[in-house]
C-alpha atoms as a PDB file:
ATOM      1  CA  MET A   1      -0.808  52.375  42.393  1.00  0.00           C
ATOM      2  CA  GLU A   2       0.761  55.602  43.679  1.00  0.00           C
ATOM      3  CA  LYS A   3      -2.667  57.282  43.719  1.00  0.00           C
ATOM      4  CA  THR A   4      -4.124  54.325  45.619  1.00  0.00           C
ATOM      5  CA  ILE A   5      -1.420  54.616  48.282  1.00  0.00           C
ATOM      6  CA  GLU A   6      -1.947  58.356  48.546  1.00  0.00           C
ATOM      7  CA  THR A   7      -5.687  57.841  49.055  1.00  0.00           C
ATOM      8  CA  ILE A   8      -5.116  55.266  51.803  1.00  0.00           C
ATOM      9  CA  PHE A   9      -2.382  57.025  53.753  1.00  0.00           C
ATOM     10  CA  SER A  10      -3.439  60.648  53.345  1.00  0.00           C
ATOM     11  CA  SER A  11      -6.167  59.920  55.879  1.00  0.00           C
ATOM     12  CA  SER A  12      -5.478  61.023  59.447  1.00  0.00           C
ATOM     13  CA  VAL A  13      -7.077  57.822  60.765  1.00  0.00           C
ATOM     14  CA  GLN A  14      -4.662  55.913  62.989  1.00  0.00           C
ATOM     15  CA  SER A  15      -6.446  52.557  62.705  1.00  0.00           C
ATOM     16  CA  PRO A  16      -4.535  49.606  61.285  1.00  0.00           C
ATOM     17  CA  ILE A  17      -5.206  49.067  57.587  1.00  0.00           C
ATOM     18  CA  LEU A  18      -6.410  45.837  56.015  1.00  0.00           C
ATOM     19  CA  ILE A  19      -5.686  45.596  52.293  1.00  0.00           C
ATOM     20  CA  ILE A  20      -7.751  43.049  50.402  1.00  0.00           C
ATOM     21  CA  GLY A  21      -5.724  42.431  47.281  1.00  0.00           C
ATOM     22  CA  TYR A  22      -2.185  43.740  46.995  1.00  0.00           C
ATOM     23  CA  LEU A  23      -0.129  46.766  48.036  1.00  0.00           C
ATOM     24  CA  ASP A  24       3.525  47.383  47.134  1.00  0.00           C
ATOM     25  CA  TYR A  25       5.372  47.899  50.425  1.00  0.00           C
ATOM     26  CA  ASP A  26       8.278  49.687  48.713  1.00  0.00           C
ATOM     27  CA  LEU A  27       5.870  52.329  47.433  1.00  0.00           C
ATOM     28  CA  VAL A  28       4.291  52.621  50.892  1.00  0.00           C
ATOM     29  CA  CYS A  29       7.723  53.129  52.500  1.00  0.00           C
ATOM     30  CA  SER A  30       8.557  55.742  49.883  1.00  0.00           C
ATOM     31  CA  PHE A  31       5.262  57.599  50.385  1.00  0.00           C
ATOM     32  CA  LEU A  32       5.610  57.595  54.182  1.00  0.00           C
ATOM     33  CA  LYS A  33       9.350  58.366  53.965  1.00  0.00           C
ATOM     34  CA  ILE A  34      10.273  55.305  56.021  1.00  0.00           C
ATOM     35  CA  GLY A  35      13.711  53.682  55.850  1.00  0.00           C
ATOM     36  CA  ARG A  36      14.600  50.059  56.492  1.00  0.00           C
ATOM     37  CA  ASN A  37      15.418  50.664  60.171  1.00  0.00           C
ATOM     38  CA  ASP A  38      11.783  51.591  60.843  1.00  0.00           C
ATOM     39  CA  PHE A  39      10.148  48.911  58.690  1.00  0.00           C
ATOM     40  CA  PHE A  40       9.050  45.457  59.918  1.00  0.00           C
ATOM     41  CA  TYR A  41       7.937  42.928  57.295  1.00  0.00           C
ATOM     42  CA  LEU A  42       6.248  39.576  57.923  1.00  0.00           C
ATOM     43  CA  LYS A  43       5.072  37.072  55.334  1.00  0.00           C
ATOM     44  CA  SER A  44       3.783  33.527  54.915  1.00  0.00           C
ATOM     45  CA  GLY A  45       5.697  31.087  57.098  1.00  0.00           C
ATOM     46  CA  GLU A  46       6.489  33.728  59.747  1.00  0.00           C
ATOM     47  CA  LEU A  47       2.998  34.362  61.108  1.00  0.00           C
ATOM     48  CA  LYS A  48       3.250  32.419  64.359  1.00  0.00           C
ATOM     49  CA  ILE A  49       3.186  33.532  67.981  1.00  0.00           C
ATOM     50  CA  GLU A  50       6.979  33.762  68.392  1.00  0.00           C
ATOM     51  CA  LYS A  51       7.361  36.213  65.505  1.00  0.00           C
ATOM     52  CA  ILE A  52       4.342  38.244  66.604  1.00  0.00           C
ATOM     53  CA  ARG A  53       5.858  38.635  70.090  1.00  0.00           C
ATOM     54  CA  GLU A  54       9.037  39.902  68.442  1.00  0.00           C
ATOM     55  CA  LEU A  55       6.932  42.307  66.394  1.00  0.00           C
ATOM     56  CA  ILE A  56       5.046  43.625  69.446  1.00  0.00           C
ATOM     57  CA  HIS A  57       8.346  44.335  71.221  1.00  0.00           C
ATOM     58  CA  TRP A  58       9.616  46.170  68.129  1.00  0.00           C
ATOM     59  CA  ILE A  59       6.428  48.245  67.933  1.00  0.00           C
ATOM     60  CA  GLN A  60       6.920  49.445  71.509  1.00  0.00           C
ATOM     61  CA  LEU A  61      10.278  50.978  70.585  1.00  0.00           C
ATOM     62  CA  LYS A  62      10.282  54.553  69.273  1.00  0.00           C
ATOM     63  CA  PRO A  63      11.350  55.097  65.645  1.00  0.00           C
ATOM     64  CA  ALA A  64      15.090  54.741  65.136  1.00  0.00           C
ATOM     65  CA  VAL A  65      15.430  57.338  62.384  1.00  0.00           C
ATOM     66  CA  ASP A  66      12.110  58.453  60.939  1.00  0.00           C
ATOM     67  CA  ALA A  67       8.988  59.985  62.448  1.00  0.00           C
ATOM     68  CA  THR A  68       6.922  56.916  61.585  1.00  0.00           C
ATOM     69  CA  LYS A  69       7.396  53.153  61.751  1.00  0.00           C
ATOM     70  CA  LEU A  70       5.668  50.762  59.377  1.00  0.00           C
ATOM     71  CA  VAL A  71       4.514  47.203  60.019  1.00  0.00           C
ATOM     72  CA  TYR A  72       3.586  45.242  56.880  1.00  0.00           C
ATOM     73  CA  ILE A  73       2.056  41.792  57.390  1.00  0.00           C
ATOM     74  CA  ASP A  74       1.685  39.997  54.083  1.00  0.00           C
ATOM     75  CA  ASP A  75      -0.507  36.885  53.724  1.00  0.00           C
ATOM     76  CA  SER A  76      -2.181  37.937  56.980  1.00  0.00           C
ATOM     77  CA  ASP A  77      -4.884  35.291  56.546  1.00  0.00           C
ATOM     78  CA  GLU A  78      -2.182  32.781  57.536  1.00  0.00           C
ATOM     79  CA  LEU A  79      -1.814  34.213  61.050  1.00  0.00           C
ATOM     80  CA  THR A  80      -2.369  31.415  63.565  1.00  0.00           C
ATOM     81  CA  ILE A  81      -5.208  31.892  66.071  1.00  0.00           C
ATOM     82  CA  GLU A  82      -2.660  32.273  68.855  1.00  0.00           C
ATOM     83  CA  ALA A  83      -0.714  34.889  66.879  1.00  0.00           C
ATOM     84  CA  SER A  84      -3.913  36.741  65.936  1.00  0.00           C
ATOM     85  CA  ASN A  85      -5.080  36.935  69.551  1.00  0.00           C
ATOM     86  CA  ALA A  86      -1.655  38.173  70.672  1.00  0.00           C
ATOM     87  CA  LEU A  87      -1.861  40.972  68.110  1.00  0.00           C
ATOM     88  CA  LEU A  88      -5.344  42.217  69.049  1.00  0.00           C
ATOM     89  CA  LYS A  89      -4.373  44.691  71.797  1.00  0.00           C
ATOM     90  CA  THR A  90      -1.721  46.273  69.592  1.00  0.00           C
ATOM     91  CA  LEU A  91      -4.208  46.620  66.742  1.00  0.00           C
ATOM     92  CA  GLU A  92      -6.726  48.219  69.091  1.00  0.00           C
ATOM     93  CA  GLU A  93      -4.302  50.742  70.587  1.00  0.00           C
ATOM     94  CA  PRO A  94      -1.294  51.199  68.289  1.00  0.00           C
ATOM     95  CA  PRO A  95       1.277  53.866  69.235  1.00  0.00           C
ATOM     96  CA  ASN A  96       0.747  57.117  67.330  1.00  0.00           C
ATOM     97  CA  TYR A  97       4.035  56.665  65.446  1.00  0.00           C
ATOM     98  CA  ILE A  98       3.048  53.269  64.024  1.00  0.00           C
ATOM     99  CA  LYS A  99       1.331  52.429  60.753  1.00  0.00           C
ATOM    100  CA  ILE A 100       0.169  48.812  60.585  1.00  0.00           C
ATOM    101  CA  VAL A 101      -0.781  47.249  57.254  1.00  0.00           C
ATOM    102  CA  LEU A 102      -2.205  43.738  56.881  1.00  0.00           C
ATOM    103  CA  VAL A 103      -2.538  42.337  53.374  1.00  0.00           C
ATOM    104  CA  THR A 104      -4.674  39.389  52.316  1.00  0.00           C
ATOM    105  CA  LYS A 105      -6.230  37.845  49.264  1.00  0.00           C
ATOM    106  CA  ASN A 106      -8.640  35.833  51.410  1.00  0.00           C
ATOM    107  CA  GLU A 107     -10.499  38.036  53.891  1.00  0.00           C
ATOM    108  CA  LYS A 108     -12.729  35.160  55.026  1.00  0.00           C
ATOM    109  CA  LYS A 109      -9.809  33.373  56.686  1.00  0.00           C
ATOM    110  CA  ILE A 110      -9.006  36.301  58.993  1.00  0.00           C
ATOM    111  CA  LEU A 111     -10.518  36.384  62.493  1.00  0.00           C
ATOM    112  CA  PRO A 112     -13.463  38.816  62.759  1.00  0.00           C
ATOM    113  CA  THR A 113     -11.783  40.368  65.815  1.00  0.00           C
ATOM    114  CA  ILE A 114      -8.822  41.311  63.616  1.00  0.00           C
ATOM    115  CA  ILE A 115     -11.031  42.707  60.841  1.00  0.00           C
ATOM    116  CA  SER A 116     -13.105  44.791  63.273  1.00  0.00           C
ATOM    117  CA  ARG A 117      -9.993  46.671  64.392  1.00  0.00           C
ATOM    118  CA  CYS A 118      -8.891  47.599  60.877  1.00  0.00           C
ATOM    119  CA  GLN A 119      -9.883  50.084  58.237  1.00  0.00           C
ATOM    120  CA  LYS A 120     -10.485  48.047  55.072  1.00  0.00           C
ATOM    121  CA  TYR A 121      -9.429  48.931  51.535  1.00  0.00           C
ATOM    122  CA  ARG A 122      -9.832  46.816  48.441  1.00  0.00           C
ATOM    123  CA  VAL A 123      -7.049  47.110  45.880  1.00  0.00           C
ATOM    124  CA  PRO A 124      -8.297  45.186  42.824  1.00  0.00           C
ATOM    125  CA  VAL A 125      -5.850  42.991  40.966  1.00  0.00           C
ATOM    126  CA  SER A 126      -6.670  45.024  37.851  1.00  0.00           C
ATOM    127  CA  ASP A 127      -5.117  48.080  39.540  1.00  0.00           C
ATOM    128  CA  VAL A 128      -1.960  46.100  40.244  1.00  0.00           C
ATOM    129  CA  LEU A 129      -1.730  44.768  36.711  1.00  0.00           C
ATOM    130  CA  LEU A 130      -2.257  48.240  35.264  1.00  0.00           C
ATOM    131  CA  SER A 131       0.518  49.600  37.477  1.00  0.00           C
ATOM    132  CA  THR A 132       2.758  46.695  36.499  1.00  0.00           C
ATOM    133  CA  ALA A 133       2.088  47.228  32.788  1.00  0.00           C
ATOM    134  CA  GLU A 134       2.969  50.911  33.089  1.00  0.00           C
ATOM    135  CA  ASN A 135       6.188  50.136  34.940  1.00  0.00           C
ATOM    136  CA  LEU A 136       7.125  47.545  32.317  1.00  0.00           C
ATOM    137  CA  SER A 137       6.728  49.780  29.288  1.00  0.00           C
ATOM    138  CA  PRO A 138       9.910  49.745  27.168  1.00  0.00           C
ATOM    139  CA  ALA A 139      10.044  53.545  27.301  1.00  0.00           C
ATOM    140  CA  LYS A 140      10.140  53.511  31.110  1.00  0.00           C
ATOM    141  CA  LEU A 141      12.460  50.512  31.433  1.00  0.00           C
ATOM    142  CA  SER A 142      14.998  52.110  29.105  1.00  0.00           C
ATOM    143  CA  GLN A 143      15.368  55.032  31.523  1.00  0.00           C
ATOM    144  CA  ILE A 144      16.208  53.028  34.652  1.00  0.00           C
ATOM    145  CA  SER A 145      19.161  50.888  35.730  1.00  0.00           C
ATOM    146  CA  TYR A 146      19.460  47.156  35.086  1.00  0.00           C
ATOM    147  CA  VAL A 147      18.919  46.487  38.798  1.00  0.00           C
ATOM    148  CA  GLU A 148      15.662  48.466  38.739  1.00  0.00           C
ATOM    149  CA  ARG A 149      14.564  46.690  35.551  1.00  0.00           C
ATOM    150  CA  PHE A 150      15.132  43.318  37.217  1.00  0.00           C
ATOM    151  CA  LYS A 151      13.117  44.503  40.216  1.00  0.00           C
ATOM    152  CA  GLU A 152      10.160  45.285  37.941  1.00  0.00           C
ATOM    153  CA  ILE A 153      10.465  41.807  36.417  1.00  0.00           C
ATOM    154  CA  ASN A 154      10.377  40.280  39.916  1.00  0.00           C
ATOM    155  CA  LEU A 155       7.251  42.278  40.792  1.00  0.00           C
ATOM    156  CA  LEU A 156       5.625  40.986  37.620  1.00  0.00           C
ATOM    157  CA  LEU A 157       6.415  37.366  38.396  1.00  0.00           C
ATOM    158  CA  GLU A 158       5.386  37.639  42.064  1.00  0.00           C
ATOM    159  CA  GLN A 159       1.771  38.436  41.178  1.00  0.00           C
ATOM    160  CA  GLU A 160      -0.280  35.445  42.329  1.00  0.00           C
ATOM    161  CA  ASP A 161      -2.512  35.378  39.264  1.00  0.00           C
ATOM    162  CA  PHE A 162       0.104  36.389  36.730  1.00  0.00           C
ATOM    163  CA  THR A 163       0.019  33.415  34.364  1.00  0.00           C
ATOM    164  CA  GLN A 164       2.256  32.599  31.424  1.00  0.00           C
ATOM    165  CA  ASP A 165      -0.484  33.926  29.120  1.00  0.00           C
ATOM    166  CA  LYS A 166      -0.323  37.319  30.814  1.00  0.00           C
ATOM    167  CA  ILE A 167       3.461  37.348  30.519  1.00  0.00           C
ATOM    168  CA  ASP A 168       2.995  36.665  26.820  1.00  0.00           C
ATOM    169  CA  GLN A 169       0.617  39.631  26.669  1.00  0.00           C
ATOM    170  CA  VAL A 170       3.406  41.829  28.020  1.00  0.00           C
ATOM    171  CA  LEU A 171       5.740  40.516  25.315  1.00  0.00           C
ATOM    172  CA  VAL A 172       3.099  41.231  22.663  1.00  0.00           C
ATOM    173  CA  SER A 173       2.829  44.824  23.935  1.00  0.00           C
ATOM    174  CA  TRP A 174       6.624  45.122  23.680  1.00  0.00           C
ATOM    175  CA  GLN A 175       6.493  43.868  20.101  1.00  0.00           C
ATOM    176  CA  ALA A 176       3.869  46.494  19.249  1.00  0.00           C
ATOM    177  CA  HIS A 177       6.047  49.212  20.799  1.00  0.00           C
ATOM    178  CA  PHE A 178       9.153  48.305  18.809  1.00  0.00           C
ATOM    179  CA  ARG A 179       7.200  47.750  15.565  1.00  0.00           C
ATOM    180  CA  GLU A 180       5.888  51.287  15.919  1.00  0.00           C
ATOM    181  CA  LYS A 181       9.472  52.484  16.409  1.00  0.00           C
ATOM    182  CA  MET A 182      10.479  50.591  13.257  1.00  0.00           C
ATOM    183  CA  LEU A 183       7.717  52.281  11.268  1.00  0.00           C
ATOM    184  CA  GLN A 184       9.099  55.600  12.495  1.00  0.00           C
ATOM    185  CA  GLY A 185      12.455  54.765  10.945  1.00  0.00           C
ATOM    186  CA  GLU A 186      14.352  53.287  13.922  1.00  0.00           C
ATOM    187  CA  ASN A 187      16.318  50.061  13.552  1.00  0.00           C
ATOM    188  CA  THR A 188      14.495  47.762  15.999  1.00  0.00           C
ATOM    189  CA  ILE A 189      14.718  44.520  14.013  1.00  0.00           C
ATOM    190  CA  GLY A 190      17.224  43.044  16.468  1.00  0.00           C
ATOM    191  CA  ILE A 191      15.084  43.550  19.579  1.00  0.00           C
ATOM    192  CA  LEU A 192      11.952  42.371  17.722  1.00  0.00           C
ATOM    193  CA  GLU A 193      13.743  39.127  16.876  1.00  0.00           C
ATOM    194  CA  LYS A 194      14.788  38.714  20.531  1.00  0.00           C
ATOM    195  CA  ILE A 195      11.189  39.176  21.689  1.00  0.00           C
ATOM    196  CA  THR A 196       9.988  36.551  19.195  1.00  0.00           C
ATOM    197  CA  VAL A 197      12.617  34.086  20.427  1.00  0.00           C
ATOM    198  CA  THR A 198      11.638  34.824  24.046  1.00  0.00           C
ATOM    199  CA  ARG A 199       7.966  34.118  23.307  1.00  0.00           C
ATOM    200  CA  ASP A 200       8.927  30.778  21.769  1.00  0.00           C
ATOM    201  CA  LEU A 201      11.147  29.871  24.727  1.00  0.00           C
ATOM    202  CA  LEU A 202       8.291  30.527  27.175  1.00  0.00           C
ATOM    203  CA  LEU A 203       6.934  27.159  26.044  1.00  0.00           C
ATOM    204  CA  THR A 204      10.087  25.385  27.247  1.00  0.00           C
ATOM    205  CA  ASN A 205      11.466  24.727  30.740  1.00  0.00           C
ATOM    206  CA  ILE A 206      13.842  27.693  30.655  1.00  0.00           C
ATOM    207  CA  SER A 207      13.497  30.108  33.594  1.00  0.00           C
ATOM    208  CA  VAL A 208      10.968  32.827  32.744  1.00  0.00           C
ATOM    209  CA  LYS A 209      12.786  35.225  35.071  1.00  0.00           C
ATOM    210  CA  LEU A 210      16.085  34.667  33.239  1.00  0.00           C
ATOM    211  CA  LEU A 211      14.421  35.058  29.842  1.00  0.00           C
ATOM    212  CA  LEU A 212      12.834  38.390  30.732  1.00  0.00           C
ATOM    213  CA  GLU A 213      15.933  39.753  32.458  1.00  0.00           C
ATOM    214  CA  ASN A 214      18.087  38.917  29.416  1.00  0.00           C
ATOM    215  CA  LEU A 215      15.525  40.627  27.212  1.00  0.00           C
ATOM    216  CA  VAL A 216      15.088  43.915  29.096  1.00  0.00           C
ATOM    217  CA  ILE A 217      18.866  44.467  29.133  1.00  0.00           C
ATOM    218  CA  ASN A 218      18.436  45.315  25.452  1.00  0.00           C
ATOM    219  CA  PHE A 219      15.902  48.112  25.987  1.00  0.00           C
END
């Protein structure tokens, strides 16, 4: 995912960017060195004319701290027609300190006038899942704080097409990791038993988020 972001934002093109798929806004902020004061995030349920007017006013203000400001509009296919039309002029002539990113999983629902003003990039779901799998490796999780581990769990669960079967695949990969450790002489029987219990509990009504968070504390 980091390489994808570098490819997109290393370009000198000022045009707004339309992502078809998914892009992690935290990684974008990190790459562009943008803090929360210079970041404006909109998502489903907020994509109406009133919020877009607020956004346009914010865009006209110079950066508070950083050299660049970032606008990230998630679920941009849910922009109302009125909101889309209000945004057109800003998309056509954005200030040179602004980066505007629109993200959608359904390009066909976006007005052609919006699309024509953007530089399009496709970020396949497979790229996202690969990045997620790497971030969720037991070796990596064991080196970060509990808060950061929980954040990775949230990113996993927020993926639109991340089904219970795919969560089970992650658990299977964790089992393989700790079995390999056991064969190398480490005592991993306890964590292997916890993973087995977690897989069984996935079939119940217990919160998947709670199950995974309780599990990764042991890594």
